[in-house]
Every structure is written in C-alpha cells, then in structure tokens.
Amino acid sequence: SDVCSSDLGLTFSETASLLASKGMVNYDEFLSLGHSPHILQKYNIPGDTVEGYLFPDTYFFHKGMTSTQVIQSLLNRLREVYDSRFQVKAQEQQLSRDQVIILASIIEREAKKDSERPIIARVFLNRLEKSIKLESCATVIYALGYHTSYLTEEDTRVNSPYNTYLNLDLPPGPIANPGAESIAAVLNPSEGNYFYF
C-alpha cells in the first residue's frame, strides 16, 4: 500500500494532479469522475463538481485501486469528519453543510496560520450578516483560474459568480478542499465585531 497525503486547501484539479503524480489515479479519469452526476448525487453535492468535498488527509491506498475507489475514499472521509457534532453546530448557526464547506474553503485559502482561522471566519460571518461583500482575494484568484500573489484592481472586476468583490453573499460553490481546522473555524468563530482582517 502507498501513503498519500492530500494537502490542505488544494483545488479539485490540484488534487487530481497530486494523485496522478504519485501514480494513484489517471488525471483525466479522476477529473471526469469529479463531474460525474452519479458521484455528485451519491454524495449529495450541489453543482457540477466535487470541489470542496475531497477531504485533505493522509490516506493509505493499495496498488490497483481504481480512480473511483480513490475519489470515494476522499469523499467518504469528509462524511466521517463532518459528523453529528458539526451538523448540530451548523444548525445552531443556521448554516447548511454546503454553506459551511464554501466558507471553510475560503478560509482555507485566506489563512496563513491556524490561529487566524476563527478570526477570518468571524469577519466573513459578520459581513454576511450585514450584507457586506466578502471581498476575498482567494475567491478572485479562483475566478481568474490561475494563481497570482498580487491582485490588481482590474483582477477584482473579473466577471464571475465567484468574485466576492462584485457579488454579495457566498460564491456558488467551494474554491478549494478545506481541512478540519477551517470547518471548525466556521462553526466556532472568534467573538467580536470584526469586519476586516
């Protein structure tokens, strides 16, 4: 068996590249599975991709596992992690699982340290509550489709439902695969009237 750690905050395509580079999956087949209506329905994932629902963790894969078995391992792990404790906390905050995953994915890409995650969560939750745009650079980078360490004003005007500089509320789907710390931050944010970080 092989050990493969799926890094925190990778996008679906980055996860596919990582797994393909380790010889675990065929890149194109894995991408196709991530858009499969059967997989999306089986795991109750809205939208047209598994983006955000492939839980980053350390996995033990056996030689000869199919791409389907690998993707289902990643999806099943999120089901295990997002257990009844998380579900109860989400209900208390009147957030659906999908809203939690979307927010957690943004936090995953914004945070540099674990200690920042609950503060970032509070900022975004406060902004959502007051109908203020999230203005997350991470969502703009996702909308652009390529990584950049510096955003221009023109970048923040990219026409995309994922651009939270232009659009109110959450983007239509996650922008990466969040880890447990980011999910927990959404459900246990810092206290305070933070609107900026």
Protein backbone atom coordinates (compact mmCIF):
# COMPACT_ATOMS: atom_id res chain seq x y z
CA SER A 1 0.00 0.00 0.00
CA ASP A 2 1.06 3.60 -0.57
CA VAL A 3 0.59 6.57 1.70
CA CYS A 4 -0.64 9.73 0.07
CA SER A 5 -1.23 12.97 1.94
CA SER A 6 -3.66 15.30 0.29
CA ASP A 7 -2.53 18.83 1.14
CA LEU A 8 -4.84 21.35 2.77
CA GLY A 9 -6.57 23.84 0.53
CA LEU A 10 -5.85 22.24 -2.82
CA THR A 11 -8.43 22.70 -5.53
CA PHE A 12 -10.02 19.69 -7.18
CA SER A 13 -7.71 19.90 -10.20
CA GLU A 14 -4.64 20.35 -7.95
CA THR A 15 -5.71 17.25 -6.00
CA ALA A 16 -6.05 15.34 -9.27
CA SER A 17 -2.53 16.47 -10.28
CA LEU A 18 -1.07 15.43 -6.92
CA LEU A 19 -2.67 11.99 -7.02
CA ALA A 20 -1.70 11.47 -10.68
CA SER A 21 1.92 12.48 -9.94
CA LYS A 22 2.05 9.72 -7.32
CA GLY A 23 0.62 7.18 -9.77
CA MET A 24 -2.60 6.76 -7.79
CA VAL A 25 -5.05 7.89 -10.47
CA ASN A 26 -5.32 8.78 -14.12
CA TYR A 27 -5.63 12.58 -14.14
CA ASP A 28 -8.31 12.82 -16.86
CA GLU A 29 -10.34 9.95 -15.44
CA PHE A 30 -10.24 11.47 -11.94
CA LEU A 31 -11.38 14.86 -13.30
CA SER A 32 -14.20 13.18 -15.18
CA LEU A 33 -15.31 11.34 -12.04
CA GLY A 34 -15.34 14.63 -10.14
CA HIS A 35 -18.01 15.86 -12.55
CA SER A 36 -19.98 12.61 -12.65
CA PRO A 37 -23.70 13.11 -11.91
CA HIS A 38 -23.69 9.68 -10.22
CA ILE A 39 -20.92 10.68 -7.78
CA LEU A 40 -22.44 14.12 -7.15
CA GLN A 41 -25.86 12.62 -6.43
CA LYS A 42 -24.48 9.80 -4.27
CA TYR A 43 -22.67 12.31 -2.03
CA ASN A 44 -25.43 14.95 -2.17
CA ILE A 45 -23.11 17.55 -3.68
CA PRO A 46 -24.76 20.52 -5.39
CA GLY A 47 -23.28 21.99 -8.52
CA ASP A 48 -21.28 20.20 -11.16
CA THR A 49 -18.06 19.27 -9.37
CA VAL A 50 -16.73 17.70 -6.16
CA GLU A 51 -14.71 20.86 -5.47
CA GLY A 52 -14.57 21.35 -1.69
CA TYR A 53 -15.71 17.85 -0.74
CA LEU A 54 -12.42 15.94 -1.15
CA PHE A 55 -11.18 15.93 2.42
CA PRO A 56 -7.42 16.62 2.78
CA ASP A 57 -5.85 13.95 4.98
CA THR A 58 -3.33 11.12 4.94
CA TYR A 59 -4.67 8.11 3.07
CA PHE A 60 -3.43 4.56 2.64
CA PHE A 61 -4.08 3.46 -0.92
CA HIS A 62 -3.42 -0.03 -2.24
CA LYS A 63 -1.83 -0.66 -5.62
CA GLY A 64 -4.52 -1.32 -8.16
CA MET A 65 -7.18 0.87 -6.58
CA THR A 66 -9.36 2.47 -9.20
CA SER A 67 -9.86 6.21 -9.57
CA THR A 68 -13.44 5.65 -8.41
CA GLN A 69 -12.24 3.98 -5.19
CA VAL A 70 -9.76 6.80 -4.57
CA ILE A 71 -12.28 9.62 -5.08
CA GLN A 72 -14.83 7.80 -2.93
CA SER A 73 -12.21 7.45 -0.15
CA LEU A 74 -11.72 11.23 -0.15
CA LEU A 75 -15.47 11.90 -0.20
CA ASN A 76 -16.22 9.32 2.48
CA ARG A 77 -13.61 10.85 4.76
CA LEU A 78 -15.44 14.19 4.70
CA ARG A 79 -18.63 12.36 5.70
CA GLU A 80 -16.74 10.88 8.67
CA VAL A 81 -15.22 14.22 9.71
CA TYR A 82 -18.39 16.24 9.19
CA ASP A 83 -20.17 14.24 11.88
CA SER A 84 -23.15 14.99 14.11
CA ARG A 85 -21.18 17.50 16.23
CA PHE A 86 -20.51 19.65 13.17
CA GLN A 87 -24.08 19.17 11.95
CA VAL A 88 -25.54 20.39 15.26
CA LYS A 89 -23.24 23.44 15.32
CA ALA A 90 -24.18 24.27 11.73
CA GLN A 91 -27.89 24.04 12.55
CA GLU A 92 -27.38 26.34 15.55
CA GLN A 93 -25.83 28.91 13.20
CA GLN A 94 -28.50 28.29 10.57
CA LEU A 95 -25.90 27.20 8.04
CA SER A 96 -26.24 24.27 5.65
CA ARG A 97 -23.38 21.81 5.21
CA ASP A 98 -22.70 23.34 1.82
CA GLN A 99 -22.53 26.88 3.20
CA VAL A 100 -20.08 25.67 5.85
CA ILE A 101 -17.89 23.98 3.23
CA ILE A 102 -17.93 27.06 0.97
CA LEU A 103 -16.95 29.37 3.84
CA ALA A 104 -14.33 26.90 5.09
CA SER A 105 -12.81 26.69 1.62
CA ILE A 106 -12.37 30.47 1.51
CA ILE A 107 -10.85 30.47 5.00
CA GLU A 108 -8.52 27.64 3.93
CA ARG A 109 -7.13 29.76 1.11
CA GLU A 110 -7.02 33.02 3.12
CA ALA A 111 -5.41 31.81 6.37
CA LYS A 112 -1.67 31.59 6.82
CA LYS A 113 -1.83 30.20 10.39
CA ASP A 114 -4.38 28.08 12.25
CA SER A 115 -4.81 30.81 14.88
CA GLU A 116 -6.15 33.17 12.16
CA ARG A 117 -8.95 30.87 11.03
CA PRO A 118 -11.57 31.70 13.73
CA ILE A 119 -10.96 35.44 13.25
CA ILE A 120 -11.30 35.18 9.46
CA ALA A 121 -14.48 33.14 9.99
CA ARG A 122 -15.89 35.87 12.24
CA VAL A 123 -15.08 38.57 9.67
CA PHE A 124 -16.88 36.69 6.91
CA LEU A 125 -19.86 35.72 9.09
CA ASN A 126 -20.25 39.34 10.22
CA ARG A 127 -20.07 40.57 6.64
CA LEU A 128 -22.68 38.03 5.52
CA GLU A 129 -24.98 39.01 8.38
CA LYS A 130 -24.75 42.71 7.45
CA SER A 131 -24.99 42.08 3.67
CA ILE A 132 -21.47 43.36 3.04
CA LYS A 133 -19.47 41.83 0.19
CA LEU A 134 -16.86 39.33 1.41
CA GLU A 135 -14.15 40.85 -0.81
CA SER A 136 -11.96 37.77 -0.56
CA CYS A 137 -8.82 37.78 -2.69
CA ALA A 138 -8.91 33.98 -2.64
CA THR A 139 -12.25 33.93 -4.47
CA VAL A 140 -10.92 36.32 -7.11
CA ILE A 141 -7.90 34.09 -7.69
CA TYR A 142 -10.25 31.12 -8.10
CA ALA A 143 -12.37 33.15 -10.52
CA LEU A 144 -9.28 34.10 -12.55
CA GLY A 145 -8.35 30.42 -12.89
CA TYR A 146 -4.67 30.88 -12.14
CA HIS A 147 -2.61 31.69 -9.07
CA THR A 148 -1.17 35.14 -8.56
CA SER A 149 0.42 36.61 -5.45
CA TYR A 150 -0.68 40.13 -6.36
CA LEU A 151 -4.17 41.18 -7.45
CA THR A 152 -4.76 44.29 -9.49
CA GLU A 153 -7.88 46.43 -9.35
CA GLU A 154 -8.72 45.04 -12.79
CA ASP A 155 -8.49 41.50 -11.38
CA THR A 156 -11.10 42.35 -8.74
CA ARG A 157 -13.51 43.23 -11.55
CA VAL A 158 -13.36 39.80 -13.22
CA ASN A 159 -16.88 38.80 -14.24
CA SER A 160 -17.54 35.63 -12.28
CA PRO A 161 -20.08 34.44 -9.70
CA TYR A 162 -17.01 33.52 -7.62
CA ASN A 163 -15.80 37.12 -7.45
CA THR A 164 -16.85 38.27 -3.98
CA TYR A 165 -15.65 41.80 -4.73
CA LEU A 166 -18.59 42.10 -7.14
CA ASN A 167 -21.17 39.72 -5.71
CA LEU A 168 -22.93 39.69 -2.37
CA ASP A 169 -23.18 36.51 -0.32
CA LEU A 170 -21.22 33.31 -0.76
CA PRO A 171 -19.90 32.16 -4.11
CA PRO A 172 -21.92 29.35 -5.73
CA GLY A 173 -19.51 26.65 -4.56
CA PRO A 174 -16.28 25.97 -2.68
CA ILE A 175 -12.98 27.26 -4.03
CA ALA A 176 -10.79 24.52 -2.52
CA ASN A 177 -10.90 21.46 -0.30
CA PRO A 178 -10.91 22.70 3.31
CA GLY A 179 -9.43 20.83 6.25
CA ALA A 180 -10.98 20.22 9.66
CA GLU A 181 -9.47 23.39 11.17
CA SER A 182 -11.20 25.64 8.65
CA ILE A 183 -14.51 23.78 9.01
CA ALA A 184 -14.23 24.07 12.79
CA ALA A 185 -13.46 27.81 12.49
CA VAL A 186 -16.73 28.43 10.64
CA LEU A 187 -18.62 26.60 13.39
CA ASN A 188 -16.59 28.08 16.28
CA PRO A 189 -15.65 31.59 15.14
CA SER A 190 -13.99 34.18 17.33
CA GLU A 191 -16.23 36.62 19.16
CA GLY A 192 -16.18 40.23 18.05
CA ASN A 193 -17.42 42.83 15.62
CA TYR A 194 -14.65 42.22 13.12
CA PHE A 195 -15.31 43.28 9.53
CA TYR A 196 -11.68 43.36 8.31
CA PHE A 197 -8.54 41.29 8.85
